[in-house]
């Protein structure tokens, strides 16, 4: 088994991470994924909230995000709305929510606990910064098999109930995330009708306060 280490996002990983995301999300239009320039900007402005998994010097996974002012009462949005024109224009250190923009692991490195550790690193960062929690638009790759048979909302409810398994959403649920309904037209991904699911992880330090 490889020895995986973790570090904060650095500009030197930008090219490799942009290529990694294309491998992990082949059905999503590249315009909705980070490019090398955006990753460099993110590394410059918010390295402490972004994490890279390494096998030696090779990036094999990443957990990225920005700090936003999120309104759950007006939650319909596209990922491009969050990223803005340059990937960081909506990020401000005084915003209340950490918006998870990407979490991905190369296929050959799945099953090693990398995704879980990346989630934990982001949770630790949120608690350290005293933010309200993590919010994200989660991909639902398993919905591709049910597209046309049920709505995205019905699919999400069945995954939450344990009646269906989704490789991403089921994993997020096991990591303490809650669902808040589908997000239509979240990314350009015809395989799932462009749908995603709104998920959130409340900071337990604030919930229990």
Foldseek 3Di string as FASTA:
>chain_A
DFDKDKAFQALVCLQLVLVLVCQFCVQFDSVLGDHSQLSNVCCVPPRQQKMFIDRPNHTFKIWDWAAAAADLVPHADALCVVLDPRHPPRHDLPHAETETSDTGGHPVPPPPCPSVVNVVSNLVSCVVSVHFWYKYFAAFLVLLVCVVPDDPQVVLVCCVVVNDPTPTPVVVVVSQKDWDGKHALHTPGVSNNNITIMIIHGNVVVVVD
